N, C-alpha and C. Protein backbone atom coordinates (compact mmCIF):
# COMPACT_ATOMS: atom_id res chain seq x y z
N MET A 1 212.21 132.26 169.05
CA MET A 1 213.77 132.08 169.18
C MET A 1 213.55 131.01 170.28
N SER A 2 214.66 130.35 170.11
CA SER A 2 214.85 129.13 171.06
C SER A 2 216.41 129.23 171.71
N SER A 3 216.11 128.98 172.89
CA SER A 3 217.62 129.30 173.54
C SER A 3 217.78 127.77 174.73
N SER A 4 218.41 127.90 175.39
CA SER A 4 218.32 127.04 176.68
C SER A 4 217.95 127.38 177.68
N LEU A 5 217.06 127.03 178.51
CA LEU A 5 217.06 127.66 179.70
C LEU A 5 217.41 127.96 180.64
N ALA A 6 218.59 127.28 180.57
CA ALA A 6 219.84 127.89 181.71
C ALA A 6 220.30 129.16 181.22
N GLU A 7 220.63 129.02 179.62
CA GLU A 7 220.82 130.54 179.45
C GLU A 7 219.66 131.22 179.74
N ILE A 8 218.24 131.41 179.24
CA ILE A 8 217.70 132.18 179.96
C ILE A 8 217.75 132.73 181.13
N LEU A 9 217.82 131.62 181.92
CA LEU A 9 217.44 131.85 183.64
C LEU A 9 218.78 132.76 183.94
N ARG A 10 219.77 132.87 183.46
CA ARG A 10 221.14 134.15 183.63
C ARG A 10 220.73 135.02 183.20
N GLN A 11 220.02 135.23 181.90
CA GLN A 11 219.63 136.71 181.68
C GLN A 11 219.11 137.55 182.68
N LYS A 12 219.13 138.74 182.48
CA LYS A 12 218.35 140.05 183.36
C LYS A 12 217.31 140.35 182.87
N ARG A 13 217.02 140.17 181.95
CA ARG A 13 215.58 140.25 181.20
C ARG A 13 214.99 139.03 180.50
N ALA A 14 213.99 138.67 180.50
CA ALA A 14 212.97 137.56 179.31
C ALA A 14 211.99 137.16 179.53
N SER A 15 211.38 137.03 178.54
CA SER A 15 209.88 136.72 178.87
C SER A 15 210.01 135.16 177.95
N VAL A 16 209.44 134.25 178.33
CA VAL A 16 209.32 133.07 177.94
C VAL A 16 208.22 131.98 177.89
N PHE A 17 208.17 131.12 177.31
CA PHE A 17 206.40 130.36 176.57
C PHE A 17 207.38 129.16 176.52
N PHE A 18 206.62 128.44 177.80
CA PHE A 18 207.18 126.66 177.97
C PHE A 18 206.14 125.68 177.21
N HIS A 19 206.31 125.16 176.05
CA HIS A 19 205.75 124.77 175.21
C HIS A 19 206.15 123.02 175.50
N ALA A 20 204.82 122.32 175.65
CA ALA A 20 204.71 120.81 175.59
C ALA A 20 204.10 120.06 174.47
N SER A 21 205.00 119.57 174.00
CA SER A 21 204.60 119.40 172.22
C SER A 21 203.40 118.20 172.62
N TRP A 22 203.49 117.60 173.39
CA TRP A 22 202.48 116.66 173.66
C TRP A 22 201.00 116.67 174.61
N SER A 23 200.85 117.96 174.42
CA SER A 23 199.81 118.76 175.39
C SER A 23 198.84 119.93 174.52
N GLY A 24 197.50 119.40 174.25
CA GLY A 24 196.57 119.94 173.55
C GLY A 24 196.32 121.64 174.21
N PRO A 25 196.72 121.72 175.54
CA PRO A 25 196.27 123.42 175.88
C PRO A 25 197.61 124.18 175.39
N SER A 26 198.51 123.35 175.50
CA SER A 26 200.08 123.97 175.24
C SER A 26 199.88 124.49 173.94
N HIS A 27 199.15 123.68 173.36
CA HIS A 27 199.00 123.94 171.42
C HIS A 27 198.36 125.21 170.61
N VAL A 28 196.94 124.98 172.28
CA VAL A 28 196.16 126.38 171.54
C VAL A 28 196.71 127.56 172.49
N ALA A 29 197.51 127.26 173.11
CA ALA A 29 198.10 128.32 173.97
C ALA A 29 199.21 129.08 173.28
N LEU A 30 199.72 128.27 172.35
CA LEU A 30 201.02 129.12 171.45
C LEU A 30 200.23 129.25 170.57
N ARG A 31 199.26 128.71 170.20
CA ARG A 31 198.82 129.18 168.79
C ARG A 31 198.34 130.83 168.80
N ALA A 32 197.21 130.85 170.31
CA ALA A 32 196.18 131.95 170.78
C ALA A 32 197.85 133.16 170.98
N LEU A 33 198.99 132.88 171.58
CA LEU A 33 200.34 134.08 171.69
C LEU A 33 200.61 134.47 170.43
N ARG A 34 200.69 133.73 169.31
CA ARG A 34 201.31 134.22 167.95
C ARG A 34 200.23 135.21 167.39
N ASP A 35 199.17 134.41 167.48
CA ASP A 35 197.94 135.34 166.90
C ASP A 35 197.76 136.31 167.64
N HIS A 36 198.19 137.10 168.83
CA HIS A 36 198.45 138.10 169.64
C HIS A 36 199.46 139.05 169.44
N LEU A 37 200.71 137.92 169.02
CA LEU A 37 201.70 138.58 168.71
C LEU A 37 202.09 139.08 167.05
N SER A 38 200.87 138.77 166.36
CA SER A 38 200.74 139.49 165.17
C SER A 38 200.18 140.47 165.08
N VAL A 39 199.35 140.93 165.73
CA VAL A 39 198.68 142.00 166.11
C VAL A 39 199.32 143.29 166.72
N SER A 40 200.40 142.96 167.38
CA SER A 40 200.71 143.92 168.69
C SER A 40 202.22 144.33 168.09
N ALA A 41 202.64 145.12 168.58
CA ALA A 41 204.15 146.03 168.53
C ALA A 41 204.97 145.15 168.42
N ILE A 42 204.88 143.70 169.46
CA ILE A 42 205.82 143.08 170.16
C ILE A 42 206.18 141.99 168.61
N PRO A 43 207.50 142.24 168.53
CA PRO A 43 207.98 141.09 167.51
C PRO A 43 208.29 139.92 168.46
N GLU A 44 207.68 138.57 167.73
CA GLU A 44 207.53 137.20 168.29
C GLU A 44 209.15 136.84 168.67
N ASN A 45 210.25 137.17 168.27
CA ASN A 45 211.15 137.02 168.55
C ASN A 45 211.84 137.54 169.92
N GLU A 46 210.74 138.21 170.53
CA GLU A 46 211.26 138.45 171.70
C GLU A 46 210.95 137.77 173.00
N ILE A 47 210.22 136.61 172.66
CA ILE A 47 209.42 136.04 173.61
C ILE A 47 210.06 134.80 173.11
N THR A 48 210.61 133.99 174.04
CA THR A 48 211.77 132.40 173.77
C THR A 48 210.57 131.35 174.07
N ILE A 49 210.67 130.38 173.33
CA ILE A 49 209.92 129.31 173.16
C ILE A 49 210.99 128.01 173.58
N ILE A 50 210.51 127.61 174.93
CA ILE A 50 211.16 126.57 175.30
C ILE A 50 210.62 124.95 175.10
N ASP A 51 211.11 124.13 174.23
CA ASP A 51 210.67 122.67 174.71
C ASP A 51 210.66 122.24 175.79
N VAL A 52 209.75 121.78 176.45
CA VAL A 52 210.14 121.22 177.95
C VAL A 52 210.60 120.13 178.05
N ASP A 53 210.54 118.94 176.72
CA ASP A 53 210.90 117.74 177.14
C ASP A 53 211.92 117.55 176.67
N ALA A 54 212.32 118.44 175.84
CA ALA A 54 214.16 118.75 176.02
C ALA A 54 215.17 119.54 176.69
N GLU A 55 214.13 120.34 177.61
CA GLU A 55 215.14 120.90 178.97
C GLU A 55 214.50 120.23 180.27
N GLU A 56 214.45 119.06 180.47
CA GLU A 56 213.84 117.98 181.10
C GLU A 56 215.18 118.85 182.43
N LYS A 57 216.18 118.76 182.47
CA LYS A 57 217.30 118.30 183.68
C LYS A 57 217.69 119.93 184.20
N THR A 58 217.35 121.20 183.28
CA THR A 58 217.01 122.35 183.98
C THR A 58 216.06 123.10 184.41
N ILE A 59 214.72 122.03 184.23
CA ILE A 59 213.38 122.47 184.49
C ILE A 59 213.58 122.59 186.17
N CYS A 60 214.35 122.07 186.61
CA CYS A 60 214.53 122.17 188.42
C CYS A 60 214.52 122.92 188.98
N ARG A 61 215.33 124.08 188.44
CA ARG A 61 215.61 125.40 188.38
C ARG A 61 214.28 126.26 188.61
N LEU A 62 213.20 125.81 188.01
CA LEU A 62 211.91 126.70 188.18
C LEU A 62 211.44 126.19 189.61
N VAL A 63 211.63 124.49 189.64
CA VAL A 63 210.70 124.03 190.65
C VAL A 63 211.45 125.34 192.13
N ASP A 64 212.46 124.98 191.95
CA ASP A 64 213.39 126.10 193.16
C ASP A 64 212.32 127.17 193.40
N GLU A 65 212.23 127.76 192.39
CA GLU A 65 211.30 129.07 192.50
C GLU A 65 209.70 129.07 192.43
N GLY A 66 209.56 128.06 192.99
CA GLY A 66 207.98 127.65 192.82
C GLY A 66 207.16 127.33 192.04
N ILE A 67 207.47 127.28 190.99
CA ILE A 67 207.04 127.21 189.56
C ILE A 67 207.07 125.83 189.22
N SER A 68 206.02 125.26 188.80
CA SER A 68 205.70 123.66 188.08
C SER A 68 204.97 123.87 186.92
N LEU A 69 205.39 122.85 185.61
CA LEU A 69 204.88 122.88 184.45
C LEU A 69 203.89 121.81 184.10
N HIS A 70 202.78 122.20 183.90
CA HIS A 70 201.72 121.04 183.76
C HIS A 70 201.28 120.50 182.32
N GLY A 71 201.95 121.47 181.58
CA GLY A 71 201.79 121.37 179.94
C GLY A 71 200.76 122.03 179.69
N TYR A 72 200.29 123.48 180.27
CA TYR A 72 199.19 124.62 179.95
C TYR A 72 199.76 125.66 178.94
N GLY A 73 201.18 125.42 178.57
CA GLY A 73 201.51 126.18 178.24
C GLY A 73 201.98 127.60 178.74
N GLU A 74 202.48 127.69 179.85
CA GLU A 74 203.30 128.03 180.70
C GLU A 74 204.25 129.44 180.44
N ALA A 75 203.96 129.96 180.93
CA ALA A 75 205.10 131.52 180.74
C ALA A 75 205.57 132.41 181.44
N VAL A 76 206.82 132.38 181.59
CA VAL A 76 207.26 133.69 182.54
C VAL A 76 208.02 134.61 182.21
N VAL A 77 207.45 135.75 183.22
CA VAL A 77 208.42 136.87 182.54
C VAL A 77 209.76 137.29 183.85
N ILE A 78 210.98 137.49 183.16
CA ILE A 78 212.32 137.40 184.37
C ILE A 78 212.64 138.82 184.11
N ARG A 79 212.86 139.28 185.34
CA ARG A 79 213.30 140.90 185.49
C ARG A 79 214.40 140.24 186.44
N ASP A 80 215.89 141.04 186.15
CA ASP A 80 216.98 140.91 187.71
C ASP A 80 217.03 139.53 187.30
N GLY A 81 217.45 138.90 186.34
CA GLY A 81 217.11 137.05 187.10
C GLY A 81 216.46 136.08 187.70
N LYS A 82 215.01 137.06 188.43
CA LYS A 82 214.08 136.88 188.92
C LYS A 82 212.62 136.51 188.01
N ILE A 83 211.83 135.59 188.43
CA ILE A 83 210.58 135.35 187.90
C ILE A 83 209.71 136.65 188.84
N ARG A 84 209.19 137.13 187.29
CA ARG A 84 208.23 138.06 187.78
C ARG A 84 206.77 138.14 187.79
N HIS A 85 206.90 137.30 186.82
CA HIS A 85 205.42 136.65 186.17
C HIS A 85 205.22 135.60 185.82
N PHE A 86 204.33 134.74 186.26
CA PHE A 86 203.70 133.25 186.01
C PHE A 86 202.39 133.51 185.36
N SER A 87 202.36 132.57 184.46
CA SER A 87 201.00 132.43 183.78
C SER A 87 200.22 131.07 183.31
N ALA A 88 199.62 130.12 183.51
CA ALA A 88 199.53 129.27 182.78
C ALA A 88 197.94 129.30 181.51
N LEU A 89 198.99 129.52 180.41
CA LEU A 89 198.29 130.61 179.62
C LEU A 89 197.35 129.76 178.74
N GLY A 90 197.47 128.21 178.59
CA GLY A 90 196.55 127.32 178.00
C GLY A 90 195.38 126.98 179.08
N ARG A 91 195.37 127.16 180.48
CA ARG A 91 194.54 126.43 181.42
C ARG A 91 193.18 127.06 181.08
N GLY A 92 192.20 126.12 180.79
CA GLY A 92 190.96 126.82 180.64
C GLY A 92 191.19 128.34 179.16
N ASP A 93 190.33 127.77 178.21
CA ASP A 93 189.88 128.51 177.07
C ASP A 93 189.42 129.71 177.34
N ASP A 94 188.08 130.00 178.42
CA ASP A 94 187.54 130.96 178.85
C ASP A 94 188.19 132.19 179.14
N THR A 95 189.27 132.23 179.95
CA THR A 95 190.10 133.23 180.14
C THR A 95 191.37 133.25 179.13
N ILE A 96 191.81 133.02 178.41
CA ILE A 96 192.94 132.33 177.63
C ILE A 96 193.44 133.76 177.22
N THR A 97 192.35 134.64 176.63
CA THR A 97 192.84 136.20 176.30
C THR A 97 193.59 137.09 176.92
N MET A 98 192.59 137.01 178.22
CA MET A 98 192.90 138.35 179.30
C MET A 98 194.27 137.49 179.95
N ARG A 99 194.72 136.49 179.95
CA ARG A 99 196.14 135.69 180.58
C ARG A 99 197.37 136.36 179.35
N ILE A 100 196.78 136.10 178.26
CA ILE A 100 197.93 136.70 177.40
C ILE A 100 198.24 138.33 177.38
N ASP A 101 197.39 138.74 177.68
CA ASP A 101 197.47 140.11 177.40
C ASP A 101 198.37 140.62 178.66
N THR A 102 197.74 140.07 179.63
CA THR A 102 198.11 140.02 181.03
C THR A 102 199.89 140.02 180.87
N PHE A 103 200.32 138.82 180.21
CA PHE A 103 201.77 138.36 179.81
C PHE A 103 202.91 139.35 179.67
N LEU A 104 201.86 139.72 178.12
CA LEU A 104 202.10 140.59 177.25
C LEU A 104 202.59 141.80 177.95
N ASN A 105 201.60 142.61 179.08
CA ASN A 105 202.06 143.91 179.26
C ASN A 105 203.00 143.58 180.23
N GLU A 106 203.05 142.35 181.29
CA GLU A 106 204.31 142.17 182.03
C GLU A 106 205.75 142.36 180.91
N HIS A 107 205.35 141.36 180.00
CA HIS A 107 206.79 141.84 179.04
C HIS A 107 207.27 143.13 178.99
N ARG A 108 206.18 143.76 178.18
CA ARG A 108 206.48 145.42 177.72
C ARG A 108 207.35 146.28 179.39
N ALA A 109 206.79 145.78 180.44
CA ALA A 109 207.08 146.60 181.59
C ALA A 109 208.28 146.91 181.50
C-alpha cells in the first residue's frame, strides 16, 4: 500500500516501511519483510511502503520526532499520531529476523 508520508503521519494508527530504492540494505529488508508477511496473519496492505526519495519534503517531520533515515529499510509504528516504535530493519543481516518480528508484534499491538 502506498500513501504520502504527510497522510500517514496524520493517522492515529499506522505501520510504515521506508524504502530507499538506491540502498541494498533497504531491498534486503523489504524482501525479508514481505517474506515474513507471506507466512503471517498480517495482510501486506496493512504495512504502508513509502518511497523516501519521493517524500523528501515531508521527511522533515520525522527528523522533528528524532528519527533519521539512512537507507536501511527503516520502519515505524504510529499510534495516536505519535511514533511508538522505530527500527532500521536492514541494518545488519544477523538480526534482521528479530527486528522484523519486533516490528510486526508492535504492528499487532
